[in-house]
Amino acid sequence: IFWYRPFIDKKSSARGVNICLQVSLWVLVLAYCVIFIQDVP
């Protein structure tokens, strides 16, 4: 579900949707980490 079909299986009927979701996920994770490491003033 989270690796073979989104990244490896080129015949997946949802490959385009998977790419969009995976990119969105990594952007969200990066944004979360950047804010999370902020110190309390």
PDB file of all heavy atoms in Angstrom:
ATOM      1  N   ILE A   1       0.810  -1.214   0.000  1.00  0.00           N
ATOM      2  CA  ILE A   1       0.000   0.000   0.000  1.00  0.00           C
ATOM      3  C   ILE A   1       0.844   1.264   0.000  1.00  0.00           C
ATOM      4  O   ILE A   1       0.557   2.217  -0.724  1.00  0.00           O
ATOM      5  CB  ILE A   1      -0.957   0.002   1.206  1.00  0.00           C
ATOM      6  CG1 ILE A   1      -1.996  -1.108   1.045  1.00  0.00           C
ATOM      7  CG2 ILE A   1      -1.656   1.350   1.367  1.00  0.00           C
ATOM      8  CD1 ILE A   1      -2.866  -1.312   2.266  1.00  0.00           C
ATOM      9  N   PHE A   2       1.913   1.267   0.812  1.00  0.00           N
ATOM     10  CA  PHE A   2       2.654   2.516   1.017  1.00  0.00           C
ATOM     11  C   PHE A   2       3.972   2.598   0.252  1.00  0.00           C
ATOM     12  O   PHE A   2       4.616   3.641   0.271  1.00  0.00           O
ATOM     13  CB  PHE A   2       2.912   2.725   2.509  1.00  0.00           C
ATOM     14  CG  PHE A   2       1.662   2.999   3.292  1.00  0.00           C
ATOM     15  CD1 PHE A   2       1.095   2.016   4.084  1.00  0.00           C
ATOM     16  CD2 PHE A   2       1.031   4.229   3.209  1.00  0.00           C
ATOM     17  CE1 PHE A   2      -0.073   2.264   4.801  1.00  0.00           C
ATOM     18  CE2 PHE A   2      -0.130   4.486   3.923  1.00  0.00           C
ATOM     19  CZ  PHE A   2      -0.691   3.497   4.711  1.00  0.00           C
ATOM     20  N   TRP A   3       4.372   1.504  -0.405  1.00  0.00           N
ATOM     21  CA  TRP A   3       5.625   1.582  -1.152  1.00  0.00           C
ATOM     22  C   TRP A   3       5.512   1.014  -2.564  1.00  0.00           C
ATOM     23  O   TRP A   3       5.793   1.709  -3.541  1.00  0.00           O
ATOM     24  CB  TRP A   3       6.743   0.870  -0.396  1.00  0.00           C
ATOM     25  CG  TRP A   3       8.077   0.986  -1.094  1.00  0.00           C
ATOM     26  CD1 TRP A   3       8.717   0.058  -1.862  1.00  0.00           C
ATOM     27  CD2 TRP A   3       8.905   2.151  -1.152  1.00  0.00           C
ATOM     28  NE1 TRP A   3       9.886   0.542  -2.382  1.00  0.00           N
ATOM     29  CE2 TRP A   3      10.043   1.830  -1.957  1.00  0.00           C
ATOM     30  CE3 TRP A   3       8.812   3.421  -0.600  1.00  0.00           C
ATOM     31  CZ2 TRP A   3      11.053   2.745  -2.217  1.00  0.00           C
ATOM     32  CZ3 TRP A   3       9.832   4.338  -0.865  1.00  0.00           C
ATOM     33  CH2 TRP A   3      10.928   3.985  -1.652  1.00  0.00           C
ATOM     34  N   TYR A   4       5.106  -0.258  -2.697  1.00  0.00           N
ATOM     35  CA  TYR A   4       5.110  -0.901  -4.014  1.00  0.00           C
ATOM     36  C   TYR A   4       4.184  -0.195  -4.996  1.00  0.00           C
ATOM     37  O   TYR A   4       4.595   0.189  -6.099  1.00  0.00           O
ATOM     38  CB  TYR A   4       4.723  -2.372  -3.879  1.00  0.00           C
ATOM     39  CG  TYR A   4       4.618  -3.076  -5.207  1.00  0.00           C
ATOM     40  CD1 TYR A   4       5.757  -3.374  -5.953  1.00  0.00           C
ATOM     41  CD2 TYR A   4       3.370  -3.409  -5.743  1.00  0.00           C
ATOM     42  CE1 TYR A   4       5.666  -3.994  -7.179  1.00  0.00           C
ATOM     43  CE2 TYR A   4       3.270  -4.038  -6.968  1.00  0.00           C
ATOM     44  CZ  TYR A   4       4.417  -4.330  -7.685  1.00  0.00           C
ATOM     45  OH  TYR A   4       4.320  -4.937  -8.911  1.00  0.00           O
ATOM     46  N   ARG A   5       2.921  -0.017  -4.624  1.00  0.00           N
ATOM     47  CA  ARG A   5       1.968   0.597  -5.543  1.00  0.00           C
ATOM     48  C   ARG A   5       2.243   2.083  -5.793  1.00  0.00           C
ATOM     49  O   ARG A   5       2.188   2.535  -6.936  1.00  0.00           O
ATOM     50  CB  ARG A   5       0.543   0.379  -5.043  1.00  0.00           C
ATOM     51  CG  ARG A   5       0.087  -1.066  -5.240  1.00  0.00           C
ATOM     52  CD  ARG A   5      -1.238  -1.338  -4.599  1.00  0.00           C
ATOM     53  NE  ARG A   5      -1.581  -2.749  -4.747  1.00  0.00           N
ATOM     54  CZ  ARG A   5      -2.423  -3.389  -3.959  1.00  0.00           C
ATOM     55  NH1 ARG A   5      -3.003  -2.757  -2.965  1.00  0.00           N
ATOM     56  NH2 ARG A   5      -2.680  -4.661  -4.148  1.00  0.00           N
ATOM     57  N   PRO A   6       2.583   2.861  -4.764  1.00  0.00           N
ATOM     58  CA  PRO A   6       2.847   4.283  -5.046  1.00  0.00           C
ATOM     59  C   PRO A   6       4.122   4.540  -5.840  1.00  0.00           C
ATOM     60  O   PRO A   6       4.174   5.460  -6.657  1.00  0.00           O
ATOM     61  CB  PRO A   6       2.953   4.903  -3.640  1.00  0.00           C
ATOM     62  CG  PRO A   6       2.242   3.950  -2.749  1.00  0.00           C
ATOM     63  CD  PRO A   6       2.497   2.598  -3.330  1.00  0.00           C
ATOM     64  N   PHE A   7       5.183   3.719  -5.633  1.00  0.00           N
ATOM     65  CA  PHE A   7       6.490   4.058  -6.193  1.00  0.00           C
ATOM     66  C   PHE A   7       6.997   3.099  -7.271  1.00  0.00           C
ATOM     67  O   PHE A   7       7.729   3.508  -8.157  1.00  0.00           O
ATOM     68  CB  PHE A   7       7.541   4.121  -5.076  1.00  0.00           C
ATOM     69  CG  PHE A   7       7.305   5.216  -4.082  1.00  0.00           C
ATOM     70  CD1 PHE A   7       6.847   4.924  -2.806  1.00  0.00           C
ATOM     71  CD2 PHE A   7       7.520   6.538  -4.416  1.00  0.00           C
ATOM     72  CE1 PHE A   7       6.620   5.927  -1.879  1.00  0.00           C
ATOM     73  CE2 PHE A   7       7.297   7.554  -3.504  1.00  0.00           C
ATOM     74  CZ  PHE A   7       6.843   7.243  -2.235  1.00  0.00           C
ATOM     75  N   ILE A   8       6.631   1.826  -7.184  1.00  0.00           N
ATOM     76  CA  ILE A   8       7.236   0.819  -8.056  1.00  0.00           C
ATOM     77  C   ILE A   8       6.310   0.371  -9.176  1.00  0.00           C
ATOM     78  O   ILE A   8       6.719   0.270 -10.328  1.00  0.00           O
ATOM     79  CB  ILE A   8       7.700  -0.401  -7.218  1.00  0.00           C
ATOM     80  CG1 ILE A   8       8.734   0.043  -6.176  1.00  0.00           C
ATOM     81  CG2 ILE A   8       8.281  -1.486  -8.125  1.00  0.00           C
ATOM     82  CD1 ILE A   8       9.174  -1.058  -5.253  1.00  0.00           C
ATOM     83  N   ASP A   9       5.065   0.115  -8.841  1.00  0.00           N
ATOM     84  CA  ASP A   9       4.123  -0.442  -9.797  1.00  0.00           C
ATOM     85  C   ASP A   9       3.680   0.621 -10.818  1.00  0.00           C
ATOM     86  O   ASP A   9       2.813   1.444 -10.542  1.00  0.00           O
ATOM     87  CB  ASP A   9       2.897  -0.998  -9.051  1.00  0.00           C
ATOM     88  CG  ASP A   9       1.962  -1.746  -9.982  1.00  0.00           C
ATOM     89  OD1 ASP A   9       2.339  -1.933 -11.153  1.00  0.00           O
ATOM     90  OD2 ASP A   9       0.873  -2.146  -9.532  1.00  0.00           O
ATOM     91  N   LYS A  10       4.285   0.570 -11.998  1.00  0.00           N
ATOM     92  CA  LYS A  10       3.981   1.540 -13.041  1.00  0.00           C
ATOM     93  C   LYS A  10       2.613   1.300 -13.676  1.00  0.00           C
ATOM     94  O   LYS A  10       2.102   2.148 -14.400  1.00  0.00           O
ATOM     95  CB  LYS A  10       5.069   1.524 -14.114  1.00  0.00           C
ATOM     96  CG  LYS A  10       6.429   1.946 -13.600  1.00  0.00           C
ATOM     97  CD  LYS A  10       7.460   1.960 -14.716  1.00  0.00           C
ATOM     98  CE  LYS A  10       8.817   2.398 -14.196  1.00  0.00           C
ATOM     99  NZ  LYS A  10       9.842   2.417 -15.269  1.00  0.00           N
ATOM    100  N   LYS A  11       2.031   0.122 -13.441  1.00  0.00           N
ATOM    101  CA  LYS A  11       0.737  -0.208 -14.022  1.00  0.00           C
ATOM    102  C   LYS A  11      -0.420   0.162 -13.099  1.00  0.00           C
ATOM    103  O   LYS A  11      -1.582  -0.059 -13.445  1.00  0.00           O
ATOM    104  CB  LYS A  11       0.671  -1.697 -14.356  1.00  0.00           C
ATOM    105  CG  LYS A  11       1.684  -2.142 -15.397  1.00  0.00           C
ATOM    106  CD  LYS A  11       1.554  -3.629 -15.669  1.00  0.00           C
ATOM    107  CE  LYS A  11       2.564  -4.093 -16.711  1.00  0.00           C
ATOM    108  NZ  LYS A  11       2.448  -5.551 -16.983  1.00  0.00           N
ATOM    109  N   SER A  12      -0.099   0.700 -11.948  1.00  0.00           N
ATOM    110  CA  SER A  12      -1.160   1.055 -11.001  1.00  0.00           C
ATOM    111  C   SER A  12      -2.087   2.096 -11.625  1.00  0.00           C
ATOM    112  O   SER A  12      -1.639   3.080 -12.209  1.00  0.00           O
ATOM    113  CB  SER A  12      -0.554   1.602  -9.709  1.00  0.00           C
ATOM    114  OG  SER A  12      -1.577   2.092  -8.858  1.00  0.00           O
ATOM    115  N   SER A  13      -3.385   1.864 -11.479  1.00  0.00           N
ATOM    116  CA  SER A  13      -4.370   2.789 -12.059  1.00  0.00           C
ATOM    117  C   SER A  13      -4.401   4.129 -11.324  1.00  0.00           C
ATOM    118  O   SER A  13      -4.964   5.099 -11.815  1.00  0.00           O
ATOM    119  CB  SER A  13      -5.762   2.152 -12.018  1.00  0.00           C
ATOM    120  OG  SER A  13      -6.143   1.856 -10.680  1.00  0.00           O
ATOM    121  N   ALA A  14      -3.786   4.178 -10.139  1.00  0.00           N
ATOM    122  CA  ALA A  14      -3.821   5.417  -9.334  1.00  0.00           C
ATOM    123  C   ALA A  14      -2.435   6.033  -9.196  1.00  0.00           C
ATOM    124  O   ALA A  14      -2.162   6.741  -8.227  1.00  0.00           O
ATOM    125  CB  ALA A  14      -4.413   5.120  -7.960  1.00  0.00           C
ATOM    126  N   ARG A  15      -1.565   5.780 -10.161  1.00  0.00           N
ATOM    127  CA  ARG A  15      -0.179   6.257 -10.033  1.00  0.00           C
ATOM    128  C   ARG A  15      -0.100   7.782  -9.950  1.00  0.00           C
ATOM    129  O   ARG A  15       0.644   8.331  -9.131  1.00  0.00           O
ATOM    130  CB  ARG A  15       0.644   5.752 -11.209  1.00  0.00           C
ATOM    131  CG  ARG A  15       2.125   6.108 -11.106  1.00  0.00           C
ATOM    132  CD  ARG A  15       2.936   5.386 -12.169  1.00  0.00           C
ATOM    133  NE  ARG A  15       4.333   5.750 -12.094  1.00  0.00           N
ATOM    134  CZ  ARG A  15       5.204   5.252 -11.237  1.00  0.00           C
ATOM    135  NH1 ARG A  15       4.794   4.375 -10.338  1.00  0.00           N
ATOM    136  NH2 ARG A  15       6.467   5.622 -11.246  1.00  0.00           N
ATOM    137  N   GLY A  16      -0.866   8.491 -10.770  1.00  0.00           N
ATOM    138  CA  GLY A  16      -0.834   9.954 -10.747  1.00  0.00           C
ATOM    139  C   GLY A  16      -1.314  10.511  -9.421  1.00  0.00           C
ATOM    140  O   GLY A  16      -0.716  11.432  -8.857  1.00  0.00           O
ATOM    141  N   VAL A  17      -2.385   9.926  -8.898  1.00  0.00           N
ATOM    142  CA  VAL A  17      -2.901  10.357  -7.595  1.00  0.00           C
ATOM    143  C   VAL A  17      -1.878  10.073  -6.506  1.00  0.00           C
ATOM    144  O   VAL A  17      -1.662  10.878  -5.597  1.00  0.00           O
ATOM    145  CB  VAL A  17      -4.233   9.643  -7.282  1.00  0.00           C
ATOM    146  CG1 VAL A  17      -4.718  10.009  -5.878  1.00  0.00           C
ATOM    147  CG2 VAL A  17      -5.278   9.999  -8.318  1.00  0.00           C
ATOM    148  N   ASN A  18      -1.225   8.921  -6.597  1.00  0.00           N
ATOM    149  CA  ASN A  18      -0.221   8.551  -5.604  1.00  0.00           C
ATOM    150  C   ASN A  18       0.933   9.534  -5.560  1.00  0.00           C
ATOM    151  O   ASN A  18       1.416   9.905  -4.492  1.00  0.00           O
ATOM    152  CB  ASN A  18       0.328   7.145  -5.900  1.00  0.00           C
ATOM    153  CG  ASN A  18      -0.481   6.056  -5.223  1.00  0.00           C
ATOM    154  OD1 ASN A  18      -0.816   6.183  -4.047  1.00  0.00           O
ATOM    155  ND2 ASN A  18      -0.799   5.006  -5.947  1.00  0.00           N
ATOM    156  N   ILE A  19       1.393   9.966  -6.735  1.00  0.00           N
ATOM    157  CA  ILE A  19       2.505  10.913  -6.783  1.00  0.00           C
ATOM    158  C   ILE A  19       2.125  12.210  -6.082  1.00  0.00           C
ATOM    159  O   ILE A  19       2.892  12.756  -5.274  1.00  0.00           O
ATOM    160  CB  ILE A  19       2.920  11.175  -8.243  1.00  0.00           C
ATOM    161  CG1 ILE A  19       3.543   9.911  -8.847  1.00  0.00           C
ATOM    162  CG2 ILE A  19       3.905  12.341  -8.325  1.00  0.00           C
ATOM    163  CD1 ILE A  19       3.868  10.038 -10.324  1.00  0.00           C
ATOM    164  N   CYS A  20       0.924  12.711  -6.368  1.00  0.00           N
ATOM    165  CA  CYS A  20       0.459  13.947  -5.737  1.00  0.00           C
ATOM    166  C   CYS A  20       0.358  13.797  -4.227  1.00  0.00           C
ATOM    167  O   CYS A  20       0.776  14.678  -3.466  1.00  0.00           O
ATOM    168  CB  CYS A  20      -0.893  14.351  -6.308  1.00  0.00           C
ATOM    169  SG  CYS A  20      -0.853  14.835  -8.048  1.00  0.00           S
ATOM    170  N   LEU A  21      -0.183  12.662  -3.781  1.00  0.00           N
ATOM    171  CA  LEU A  21      -0.338  12.431  -2.340  1.00  0.00           C
ATOM    172  C   LEU A  21       1.009  12.289  -1.647  1.00  0.00           C
ATOM    173  O   LEU A  21       1.217  12.806  -0.545  1.00  0.00           O
ATOM    174  CB  LEU A  21      -1.193  11.182  -2.099  1.00  0.00           C
ATOM    175  CG  LEU A  21      -2.678  11.300  -2.443  1.00  0.00           C
ATOM    176  CD1 LEU A  21      -3.371   9.951  -2.292  1.00  0.00           C
ATOM    177  CD2 LEU A  21      -3.349  12.338  -1.553  1.00  0.00           C
ATOM    178  N   GLN A  22       1.951  11.588  -2.281  1.00  0.00           N
ATOM    179  CA  GLN A  22       3.262  11.391  -1.673  1.00  0.00           C
ATOM    180  C   GLN A  22       4.026  12.710  -1.564  1.00  0.00           C
ATOM    181  O   GLN A  22       4.658  12.991  -0.543  1.00  0.00           O
ATOM    182  CB  GLN A  22       4.078  10.374  -2.481  1.00  0.00           C
ATOM    183  CG  GLN A  22       3.531   8.957  -2.474  1.00  0.00           C
ATOM    184  CD  GLN A  22       3.703   8.278  -1.129  1.00  0.00           C
ATOM    185  OE1 GLN A  22       4.449   8.753  -0.269  1.00  0.00           O
ATOM    186  NE2 GLN A  22       3.010   7.167  -0.936  1.00  0.00           N
ATOM    187  N   VAL A  23       3.978  13.531  -2.621  1.00  0.00           N
ATOM    188  CA  VAL A  23       4.638  14.839  -2.576  1.00  0.00           C
ATOM    189  C   VAL A  23       4.019  15.703  -1.479  1.00  0.00           C
ATOM    190  O   VAL A  23       4.725  16.360  -0.695  1.00  0.00           O
ATOM    191  CB  VAL A  23       4.544  15.546  -3.939  1.00  0.00           C
ATOM    192  CG1 VAL A  23       5.030  16.993  -3.829  1.00  0.00           C
ATOM    193  CG2 VAL A  23       5.369  14.795  -4.982  1.00  0.00           C
ATOM    194  N   SER A  24       2.690  15.701  -1.404  1.00  0.00           N
ATOM    195  CA  SER A  24       1.998  16.472  -0.365  1.00  0.00           C
ATOM    196  C   SER A  24       2.403  15.999   1.020  1.00  0.00           C
ATOM    197  O   SER A  24       2.618  16.813   1.925  1.00  0.00           O
ATOM    198  CB  SER A  24       0.479  16.336  -0.540  1.00  0.00           C
ATOM    199  OG  SER A  24       0.069  16.837  -1.792  1.00  0.00           O
ATOM    200  N   LEU A  25       2.515  14.689   1.185  1.00  0.00           N
ATOM    201  CA  LEU A  25       2.872  14.139   2.488  1.00  0.00           C
ATOM    202  C   LEU A  25       4.248  14.604   2.928  1.00  0.00           C
ATOM    203  O   LEU A  25       4.430  15.038   4.077  1.00  0.00           O
ATOM    204  CB  LEU A  25       2.828  12.605   2.435  1.00  0.00           C
ATOM    205  CG  LEU A  25       3.208  11.879   3.730  1.00  0.00           C
ATOM    206  CD1 LEU A  25       2.254  12.248   4.856  1.00  0.00           C
ATOM    207  CD2 LEU A  25       3.218  10.364   3.504  1.00  0.00           C
ATOM    208  N   TRP A  26       5.225  14.558   2.031  1.00  0.00           N
ATOM    209  CA  TRP A  26       6.588  14.949   2.402  1.00  0.00           C
ATOM    210  C   TRP A  26       6.679  16.449   2.663  1.00  0.00           C
ATOM    211  O   TRP A  26       7.424  16.877   3.553  1.00  0.00           O
ATOM    212  CB  TRP A  26       7.572  14.524   1.308  1.00  0.00           C
ATOM    213  CG  TRP A  26       7.836  13.056   1.315  1.00  0.00           C
ATOM    214  CD1 TRP A  26       7.441  12.130   0.393  1.00  0.00           C
ATOM    215  CD2 TRP A  26       8.537  12.314   2.328  1.00  0.00           C
ATOM    216  NE1 TRP A  26       7.845  10.879   0.757  1.00  0.00           N
ATOM    217  CE2 TRP A  26       8.526  10.958   1.935  1.00  0.00           C
ATOM    218  CE3 TRP A  26       9.164  12.669   3.507  1.00  0.00           C
ATOM    219  CZ2 TRP A  26       9.120   9.958   2.701  1.00  0.00           C
ATOM    220  CZ3 TRP A  26       9.764  11.676   4.268  1.00  0.00           C
ATOM    221  CH2 TRP A  26       9.742  10.346   3.872  1.00  0.00           C
ATOM    222  N   VAL A  27       5.935  17.258   1.919  1.00  0.00           N
ATOM    223  CA  VAL A  27       5.918  18.695   2.176  1.00  0.00           C
ATOM    224  C   VAL A  27       5.327  18.976   3.559  1.00  0.00           C
ATOM    225  O   VAL A  27       5.849  19.804   4.324  1.00  0.00           O
ATOM    226  CB  VAL A  27       5.114  19.429   1.083  1.00  0.00           C
ATOM    227  CG1 VAL A  27       4.890  20.891   1.475  1.00  0.00           C
ATOM    228  CG2 VAL A  27       5.854  19.364  -0.250  1.00  0.00           C
ATOM    229  N   LEU A  28       4.250  18.281   3.900  1.00  0.00           N
ATOM    230  CA  LEU A  28       3.614  18.467   5.204  1.00  0.00           C
ATOM    231  C   LEU A  28       4.542  18.033   6.332  1.00  0.00           C
ATOM    232  O   LEU A  28       4.646  18.716   7.365  1.00  0.00           O
ATOM    233  CB  LEU A  28       2.308  17.664   5.266  1.00  0.00           C
ATOM    234  CG  LEU A  28       1.141  18.202   4.434  1.00  0.00           C
ATOM    235  CD1 LEU A  28       0.020  17.177   4.359  1.00  0.00           C
ATOM    236  CD2 LEU A  28       0.626  19.517   5.010  1.00  0.00           C
ATOM    237  N   VAL A  29       5.221  16.909   6.154  1.00  0.00           N
ATOM    238  CA  VAL A  29       6.141  16.416   7.182  1.00  0.00           C
ATOM    239  C   VAL A  29       7.286  17.400   7.388  1.00  0.00           C
ATOM    240  O   VAL A  29       7.689  17.691   8.528  1.00  0.00           O
ATOM    241  CB  VAL A  29       6.686  15.019   6.804  1.00  0.00           C
ATOM    242  CG1 VAL A  29       7.827  14.613   7.734  1.00  0.00           C
ATOM    243  CG2 VAL A  29       5.571  13.978   6.865  1.00  0.00           C
ATOM    244  N   LEU A  30       7.834  17.931   6.291  1.00  0.00           N
ATOM    245  CA  LEU A  30       8.927  18.908   6.391  1.00  0.00           C
ATOM    246  C   LEU A  30       8.464  20.167   7.115  1.00  0.00           C
ATOM    247  O   LEU A  30       9.169  20.680   7.996  1.00  0.00           O
ATOM    248  CB  LEU A  30       9.436  19.254   4.993  1.00  0.00           C
ATOM    249  CG  LEU A  30      10.564  20.292   4.928  1.00  0.00           C
ATOM    250  CD1 LEU A  30      11.788  19.791   5.675  1.00  0.00           C
ATOM    251  CD2 LEU A  30      10.923  20.612   3.479  1.00  0.00           C
ATOM    252  N   ALA A  31       7.277  20.665   6.759  1.00  0.00           N
ATOM    253  CA  ALA A  31       6.745  21.866   7.412  1.00  0.00           C
ATOM    254  C   ALA A  31       6.519  21.618   8.894  1.00  0.00           C
ATOM    255  O   ALA A  31       6.823  22.471   9.740  1.00  0.00           O
ATOM    256  CB  ALA A  31       5.440  22.278   6.738  1.00  0.00           C
ATOM    257  N   TYR A  32       6.025  20.438   9.221  1.00  0.00           N
ATOM    258  CA  TYR A  32       5.773  20.105  10.635  1.00  0.00           C
ATOM    259  C   TYR A  32       7.084  20.094  11.424  1.00  0.00           C
ATOM    260  O   TYR A  32       7.154  20.626  12.537  1.00  0.00           O
ATOM    261  CB  TYR A  32       5.087  18.747  10.736  1.00  0.00           C
ATOM    262  CG  TYR A  32       4.823  18.313  12.158  1.00  0.00           C
ATOM    263  CD1 TYR A  32       3.680  18.742  12.828  1.00  0.00           C
ATOM    264  CD2 TYR A  32       5.721  17.484  12.840  1.00  0.00           C
ATOM    265  CE1 TYR A  32       3.437  18.356  14.132  1.00  0.00           C
ATOM    266  CE2 TYR A  32       5.480  17.098  14.144  1.00  0.00           C
ATOM    267  CZ  TYR A  32       4.337  17.537  14.780  1.00  0.00           C
ATOM    268  OH  TYR A  32       4.108  17.161  16.085  1.00  0.00           O
ATOM    269  N   CYS A  33       8.125  19.498  10.852  1.00  0.00           N
ATOM    270  CA  CYS A  33       9.417  19.401  11.550  1.00  0.00           C
ATOM    271  C   CYS A  33      10.036  20.785  11.751  1.00  0.00           C
ATOM    272  O   CYS A  33      10.607  21.064  12.813  1.00  0.00           O
ATOM    273  CB  CYS A  33      10.368  18.504  10.760  1.00  0.00           C
ATOM    274  SG  CYS A  33       9.883  16.766  10.712  1.00  0.00           S
ATOM    275  N   VAL A  34       9.946  21.647  10.725  1.00  0.00           N
ATOM    276  CA  VAL A  34      10.521  22.988  10.832  1.00  0.00           C
ATOM    277  C   VAL A  34       9.873  23.760  11.969  1.00  0.00           C
ATOM    278  O   VAL A  34      10.544  24.453  12.752  1.00  0.00           O
ATOM    279  CB  VAL A  34      10.364  23.751   9.495  1.00  0.00           C
ATOM    280  CG1 VAL A  34      10.722  25.219   9.679  1.00  0.00           C
ATOM    281  CG2 VAL A  34      11.249  23.121   8.429  1.00  0.00           C
ATOM    282  N   ILE A  35       8.548  23.660  12.095  1.00  0.00           N
ATOM    283  CA  ILE A  35       7.844  24.374  13.163  1.00  0.00           C
ATOM    284  C   ILE A  35       8.078  23.702  14.507  1.00  0.00           C
ATOM    285  O   ILE A  35       8.232  24.372  15.537  1.00  0.00           O
ATOM    286  CB  ILE A  35       6.334  24.453  12.854  1.00  0.00           C
ATOM    287  CG1 ILE A  35       6.099  25.276  11.587  1.00  0.00           C
ATOM    288  CG2 ILE A  35       5.572  25.069  14.026  1.00  0.00           C
ATOM    289  CD1 ILE A  35       4.654  25.338  11.153  1.00  0.00           C
ATOM    290  N   PHE A  36       8.148  22.372  14.512  1.00  0.00           N
ATOM    291  CA  PHE A  36       8.286  21.621  15.762  1.00  0.00           C
ATOM    292  C   PHE A  36       9.582  21.955  16.501  1.00  0.00           C
ATOM    293  O   PHE A  36       9.622  21.968  17.736  1.00  0.00           O
ATOM    294  CB  PHE A  36       8.216  20.118  15.478  1.00  0.00           C
ATOM    295  CG  PHE A  36       8.289  19.265  16.701  1.00  0.00           C
ATOM    296  CD1 PHE A  36       7.166  19.075  17.490  1.00  0.00           C
ATOM    297  CD2 PHE A  36       9.479  18.639  17.073  1.00  0.00           C
ATOM    298  CE1 PHE A  36       7.221  18.284  18.634  1.00  0.00           C
ATOM    299  CE2 PHE A  36       9.544  17.850  18.203  1.00  0.00           C
ATOM    300  CZ  PHE A  36       8.416  17.677  18.991  1.00  0.00           C
ATOM    301  N   ILE A  37      10.657  22.229  15.747  1.00  0.00           N
ATOM    302  CA  ILE A  37      11.953  22.484  16.389  1.00  0.00           C
ATOM    303  C   ILE A  37      12.087  23.921  16.887  1.00  0.00           C
ATOM    304  O   ILE A  37      13.112  24.279  17.473  1.00  0.00           O
ATOM    305  CB  ILE A  37      13.114  22.157  15.432  1.00  0.00           C
ATOM    306  CG1 ILE A  37      13.073  23.064  14.191  1.00  0.00           C
ATOM    307  CG2 ILE A  37      13.098  20.699  15.023  1.00  0.00           C
ATOM    308  CD1 ILE A  37      14.265  22.881  13.258  1.00  0.00           C
ATOM    309  N   GLN A  38      11.054  24.747  16.660  1.00  0.00           N
ATOM    310  CA  GLN A  38      11.115  26.123  17.144  1.00  0.00           C
ATOM    311  C   GLN A  38      11.093  26.142  18.671  1.00  0.00           C
ATOM    312  O   GLN A  38      10.317  25.430  19.307  1.00  0.00           O
ATOM    313  CB  GLN A  38       9.924  26.927  16.611  1.00  0.00           C
ATOM    314  CG  GLN A  38       9.878  27.068  15.107  1.00  0.00           C
ATOM    315  CD  GLN A  38      11.003  27.933  14.561  1.00  0.00           C
ATOM    316  OE1 GLN A  38      11.357  28.948  15.145  1.00  0.00           O
ATOM    317  NE2 GLN A  38      11.563  27.524  13.451  1.00  0.00           N
ATOM    318  N   ASP A  39      11.957  26.953  19.262  1.00  0.00           N
ATOM    319  CA  ASP A  39      12.008  27.071  20.725  1.00  0.00           C
ATOM    320  C   ASP A  39      10.947  28.043  21.224  1.00  0.00           C
ATOM    321  O   ASP A  39      10.559  28.982  20.526  1.00  0.00           O
ATOM    322  CB  ASP A  39      13.394  27.568  21.171  1.00  0.00           C
ATOM    323  CG  ASP A  39      14.482  26.543  20.904  1.00  0.00           C
ATOM    324  OD1 ASP A  39      14.171  25.341  20.952  1.00  0.00           O
ATOM    325  OD2 ASP A  39      15.627  26.938  20.639  1.00  0.00           O
ATOM    326  N   VAL A  40      10.502  27.815  22.453  1.00  0.00           N
ATOM    327  CA  VAL A  40       9.588  28.757  23.093  1.00  0.00           C
ATOM    328  C   VAL A  40      10.339  30.072  23.327  1.00  0.00           C
ATOM    329  O   VAL A  40      11.460  30.059  23.852  1.00  0.00           O
ATOM    330  CB  VAL A  40       9.071  28.208  24.434  1.00  0.00           C
ATOM    331  CG1 VAL A  40       8.147  29.214  25.108  1.00  0.00           C
ATOM    332  CG2 VAL A  40       8.366  26.884  24.225  1.00  0.00           C
ATOM    333  N   PRO A  41       9.789  31.214  22.921  1.00  0.00           N
ATOM    334  CA  PRO A  41      10.484  32.499  23.112  1.00  0.00           C
ATOM    335  C   PRO A  41      10.829  32.751  24.576  1.00  0.00           C
ATOM    336  O   PRO A  41       9.987  32.589  25.463  1.00  0.00           O
ATOM    337  CB  PRO A  41       9.453  33.518  22.593  1.00  0.00           C
ATOM    338  CG  PRO A  41       8.618  32.764  21.629  1.00  0.00           C
ATOM    339  CD  PRO A  41       8.511  31.382  22.202  1.00  0.00           C
TER     340      PRO A  41
END
